[in-house]
Amino acid sequence: MNGSVSFHTQDIEFEVPNPQKTRKWILGIIRNEKRELAGIHYLFCSDDFLLSLNQKFLMHNAYTDILTFDYSKKGVLSADIYISIDRIKENSTKFKKTFEQELRRVMIHGVLHLLGYSDKTTGEKSAMRKREEACLSLY
């Protein structure tokens, strides 16, 4: 696996807690799935920035915590994953998790989509949550 996982910001100031450990964890999940990686770029932003992307590209007029733009080809993972730090803060309170726990859950959620997991149906959502929990336990 030659690819990289990188962390960037758009319209906010933010630093990923424990970036090296987080990067290693994500790479380990991908390796466990026996997949190749070109690169995943996490882009952390505000609610308003992510809302504008949601409106422009998905025609959805709602806040969301994550948008994953999948550029993978022939099974080699490549993506830009946008995450709203505002949503992470709000959802961590709502779900009674720490900020870092909720951040990791959302970060791995995007990776699981790249790996082929879906969350469109109730059954898929349940399977996705179980897989998220399994991944989170490896951090």
Foldseek 3Di string as FASTA:
>chain_A
DPAFEEEEEDADDDDQPPVVVLRVLLVVVCVVLVFAENYEYEYEYAQVVVQVVCCVPVVDNDGDQKDWDFPDDPRYTDIYIYGHLVVLVVVCVVVVHDSNLSVQLSVVLNVVVSSPQDCPDPVSVVVSVVVSVVSSVSD
